[in-house]
């Protein structure tokens, strides 16, 4: 039973970490696009 609990906890942590990376990557792209639009409008 302890092995199953540990495995489920490890899977939950792994999914949380991976989804966090994807979220940060998407946020970085959004910020970059916003900065490009500001540069274009300033020109």
PDB file of N, CA and C in Angstrom:
ATOM      1  N   UNK A   1       0.823  -1.204   0.000  1.00  0.00           N
ATOM      2  CA  UNK A   1       0.000   0.000   0.000  1.00  0.00           C
ATOM      3  C   UNK A   1       0.870   1.272   0.000  1.00  0.00           C
ATOM      4  N   UNK A   2       1.983   1.217   0.750  1.00  0.00           N
ATOM      5  CA  UNK A   2       2.859   2.383   0.805  1.00  0.00           C
ATOM      6  C   UNK A   2       3.497   2.644  -0.548  1.00  0.00           C
ATOM      7  N   UNK A   3       3.821   1.587  -1.284  1.00  0.00           N
ATOM      8  CA  UNK A   3       4.424   1.757  -2.606  1.00  0.00           C
ATOM      9  C   UNK A   3       3.445   2.442  -3.557  1.00  0.00           C
ATOM     10  N   UNK A   4       2.178   2.052  -3.498  1.00  0.00           N
ATOM     11  CA  UNK A   4       1.158   2.653  -4.361  1.00  0.00           C
ATOM     12  C   UNK A   4       0.980   4.130  -4.028  1.00  0.00           C
ATOM     13  N   UNK A   5       0.961   4.464  -2.756  1.00  0.00           N
ATOM     14  CA  UNK A   5       0.818   5.856  -2.328  1.00  0.00           C
ATOM     15  C   UNK A   5       2.022   6.680  -2.789  1.00  0.00           C
ATOM     16  N   UNK A   6       3.214   6.122  -2.639  1.00  0.00           N
ATOM     17  CA  UNK A   6       4.417   6.831  -3.061  1.00  0.00           C
ATOM     18  C   UNK A   6       4.429   7.025  -4.573  1.00  0.00           C
ATOM     19  N   UNK A   7       4.005   6.029  -5.319  1.00  0.00           N
ATOM     20  CA  UNK A   7       3.961   6.128  -6.774  1.00  0.00           C
ATOM     21  C   UNK A   7       2.953   7.179  -7.225  1.00  0.00           C
ATOM     22  N   UNK A   8       1.800   7.215  -6.591  1.00  0.00           N
ATOM     23  CA  UNK A   8       0.785   8.212  -6.944  1.00  0.00           C
ATOM     24  C   UNK A   8       1.285   9.619  -6.606  1.00  0.00           C
ATOM     25  N   UNK A   9       1.971   9.771  -5.480  1.00  0.00           N
ATOM     26  CA  UNK A   9       2.517  11.078  -5.103  1.00  0.00           C
ATOM     27  C   UNK A   9       3.577  11.529  -6.103  1.00  0.00           C
ATOM     28  N   UNK A  10       4.449  10.611  -6.503  1.00  0.00           N
ATOM     29  CA  UNK A  10       5.488  10.939  -7.477  1.00  0.00           C
ATOM     30  C   UNK A  10       4.870  11.341  -8.811  1.00  0.00           C
ATOM     31  N   UNK A  11       3.834  10.640  -9.246  1.00  0.00           N
ATOM     32  CA  UNK A  11       3.162  10.975 -10.505  1.00  0.00           C
ATOM     33  C   UNK A  11       2.523  12.364 -10.408  1.00  0.00           C
ATOM     34  N   UNK A  12       1.905  12.673  -9.299  1.00  0.00           N
ATOM     35  CA  UNK A  12       1.267  13.984  -9.110  1.00  0.00           C
ATOM     36  C   UNK A  12       2.296  15.107  -9.140  1.00  0.00           C
ATOM     37  N   UNK A  13       3.423  14.901  -8.487  1.00  0.00           N
ATOM     38  CA  UNK A  13       4.482  15.915  -8.485  1.00  0.00           C
ATOM     39  C   UNK A  13       5.038  16.102  -9.893  1.00  0.00           C
ATOM     40  N   UNK A  14       5.244  15.005 -10.602  1.00  0.00           N
ATOM     41  CA  UNK A  14       5.782  15.085 -11.967  1.00  0.00           C
ATOM     42  C   UNK A  14       4.852  15.868 -12.884  1.00  0.00           C
ATOM     43  N   UNK A  15       3.570  15.595 -12.812  1.00  0.00           N
ATOM     44  CA  UNK A  15       2.597  16.299 -13.644  1.00  0.00           C
ATOM     45  C   UNK A  15       2.571  17.784 -13.286  1.00  0.00           C
ATOM     46  N   UNK A  16       2.655  18.100 -12.014  1.00  0.00           N
ATOM     47  CA  UNK A  16       2.645  19.500 -11.585  1.00  0.00           C
ATOM     48  C   UNK A  16       3.860  20.243 -12.115  1.00  0.00           C
ATOM     49  N   UNK A  17       5.018  19.621 -12.044  1.00  0.00           N
ATOM     50  CA  UNK A  17       6.251  20.265 -12.521  1.00  0.00           C
ATOM     51  C   UNK A  17       6.190  20.468 -14.020  1.00  0.00           C
ATOM     52  N   UNK A  18       5.755  19.462 -14.759  1.00  0.00           N
ATOM     53  CA  UNK A  18       5.710  19.577 -16.215  1.00  0.00           C
ATOM     54  C   UNK A  18       4.702  20.618 -16.672  1.00  0.00           C
ATOM     55  N   UNK A  19       3.550  20.690 -16.025  1.00  0.00           N
ATOM     56  CA  UNK A  19       2.567  21.688 -16.430  1.00  0.00           C
ATOM     57  C   UNK A  19       3.051  23.086 -16.071  1.00  0.00           C
ATOM     58  N   UNK A  20       3.796  23.216 -14.999  1.00  0.00           N
ATOM     59  CA  UNK A  20       4.369  24.514 -14.629  1.00  0.00           C
ATOM     60  C   UNK A  20       5.358  25.000 -15.672  1.00  0.00           C
ATOM     61  N   UNK A  21       6.152  24.097 -16.211  1.00  0.00           N
ATOM     62  CA  UNK A  21       7.118  24.477 -17.252  1.00  0.00           C
ATOM     63  C   UNK A  21       6.390  24.967 -18.501  1.00  0.00           C
ATOM     64  N   UNK A  22       5.342  24.259 -18.879  1.00  0.00           N
ATOM     65  CA  UNK A  22       4.584  24.667 -20.061  1.00  0.00           C
ATOM     66  C   UNK A  22       3.937  26.029 -19.846  1.00  0.00           C
ATOM     67  N   UNK A  23       3.447  26.271 -18.662  1.00  0.00           N
ATOM     68  CA  UNK A  23       2.807  27.546 -18.370  1.00  0.00           C
ATOM     69  C   UNK A  23       3.816  28.684 -18.440  1.00  0.00           C
ATOM     70  N   UNK A  24       4.992  28.489 -17.873  1.00  0.00           N
ATOM     71  CA  UNK A  24       6.022  29.528 -17.900  1.00  0.00           C
ATOM     72  C   UNK A  24       6.495  29.783 -19.330  1.00  0.00           C
ATOM     73  N   UNK A  25       6.592  28.742 -20.120  1.00  0.00           N
ATOM     74  CA  UNK A  25       7.005  28.904 -21.520  1.00  0.00           C
ATOM     75  C   UNK A  25       5.974  29.744 -22.270  1.00  0.00           C
ATOM     76  N   UNK A  26       4.703  29.445 -22.072  1.00  0.00           N
ATOM     77  CA  UNK A  26       3.636  30.203 -22.730  1.00  0.00           C
ATOM     78  C   UNK A  26       3.605  31.650 -22.275  1.00  0.00           C
ATOM     79  N   UNK A  27       3.835  31.868 -20.983  1.00  0.00           N
ATOM     80  CA  UNK A  27       3.851  33.240 -20.469  1.00  0.00           C
ATOM     81  C   UNK A  27       5.016  34.011 -21.069  1.00  0.00           C
ATOM     82  N   UNK A  28       6.149  33.369 -21.217  1.00  0.00           N
ATOM     83  CA  UNK A  28       7.314  34.014 -21.822  1.00  0.00           C
ATOM     84  C   UNK A  28       7.049  34.427 -23.258  1.00  0.00           C
ATOM     85  N   UNK A  29       6.368  33.570 -23.998  1.00  0.00           N
ATOM     86  CA  UNK A  29       6.034  33.899 -25.389  1.00  0.00           C
ATOM     87  C   UNK A  29       5.068  35.075 -25.445  1.00  0.00           C
ATOM     88  N   UNK A  30       4.080  35.102 -24.566  1.00  0.00           N
ATOM     89  CA  UNK A  30       3.120  36.207 -24.545  1.00  0.00           C
ATOM     90  C   UNK A  30       3.812  37.528 -24.236  1.00  0.00           C
ATOM     91  N   UNK A  31       4.722  37.521 -23.272  1.00  0.00           N
ATOM     92  CA  UNK A  31       5.433  38.746 -22.899  1.00  0.00           C
ATOM     93  C   UNK A  31       6.307  39.217 -24.053  1.00  0.00           C
ATOM     94  N   UNK A  32       6.962  38.260 -24.724  1.00  0.00           N
ATOM     95  CA  UNK A  32       7.813  38.621 -25.857  1.00  0.00           C
ATOM     96  C   UNK A  32       6.993  39.249 -26.984  1.00  0.00           C
ATOM     97  N   UNK A  33       5.841  38.675 -27.289  1.00  0.00           N
ATOM     98  CA  UNK A  33       4.983  39.231 -28.347  1.00  0.00           C
ATOM     99  C   UNK A  33       4.492  40.620 -27.974  1.00  0.00           C
ATOM    100  N   UNK A  34       4.155  40.824 -26.712  1.00  0.00           N
ATOM    101  CA  UNK A  34       3.720  42.143 -26.265  1.00  0.00           C
ATOM    102  C   UNK A  34       4.822  43.175 -26.421  1.00  0.00           C
ATOM    103  N   UNK A  35       6.052  42.791 -26.082  1.00  0.00           N
ATOM    104  CA  UNK A  35       7.189  43.692 -26.237  1.00  0.00           C
ATOM    105  C   UNK A  35       7.449  44.043 -27.687  1.00  0.00           C
ATOM    106  N   UNK A  36       7.292  43.072 -28.578  1.00  0.00           N
ATOM    107  CA  UNK A  36       7.481  43.337 -30.009  1.00  0.00           C
ATOM    108  C   UNK A  36       6.441  44.319 -30.531  1.00  0.00           C
ATOM    109  N   UNK A  37       5.203  44.175 -30.077  1.00  0.00           N
ATOM    110  CA  UNK A  37       4.162  45.092 -30.520  1.00  0.00           C
ATOM    111  C   UNK A  37       4.418  46.512 -30.021  1.00  0.00           C
ATOM    112  N   UNK A  38       4.934  46.635 -28.806  1.00  0.00           N
ATOM    113  CA  UNK A  38       5.257  47.957 -28.278  1.00  0.00           C
ATOM    114  C   UNK A  38       6.381  48.595 -29.086  1.00  0.00           C
ATOM    115  N   UNK A  39       7.390  47.792 -29.457  1.00  0.00           N
ATOM    116  CA  UNK A  39       8.488  48.326 -30.269  1.00  0.00           C
ATOM    117  C   UNK A  39       8.000  48.789 -31.622  1.00  0.00           C
ATOM    118  N   UNK A  40       7.104  48.025 -32.237  1.00  0.00           N
ATOM    119  CA  UNK A  40       6.589  48.381 -33.557  1.00  0.00           C
ATOM    120  C   UNK A  40       5.767  49.668 -33.487  1.00  0.00           C
ATOM    121  N   UNK A  41       4.973  49.825 -32.439  1.00  0.00           N
ATOM    122  CA  UNK A  41       4.143  51.025 -32.348  1.00  0.00           C
ATOM    123  C   UNK A  41       4.986  52.250 -32.008  1.00  0.00           C
ATOM    124  N   UNK A  42       6.144  52.078 -31.366  1.00  0.00           N
ATOM    125  CA  UNK A  42       7.010  53.198 -31.025  1.00  0.00           C
ATOM    126  C   UNK A  42       7.813  53.672 -32.227  1.00  0.00           C
ATOM    127  N   UNK A  43       7.966  52.839 -33.207  1.00  0.00           N
ATOM    128  CA  UNK A  43       8.783  53.193 -34.381  1.00  0.00           C
ATOM    129  C   UNK A  43       8.067  54.157 -35.304  1.00  0.00           C
TER     130      UNK A  43
END
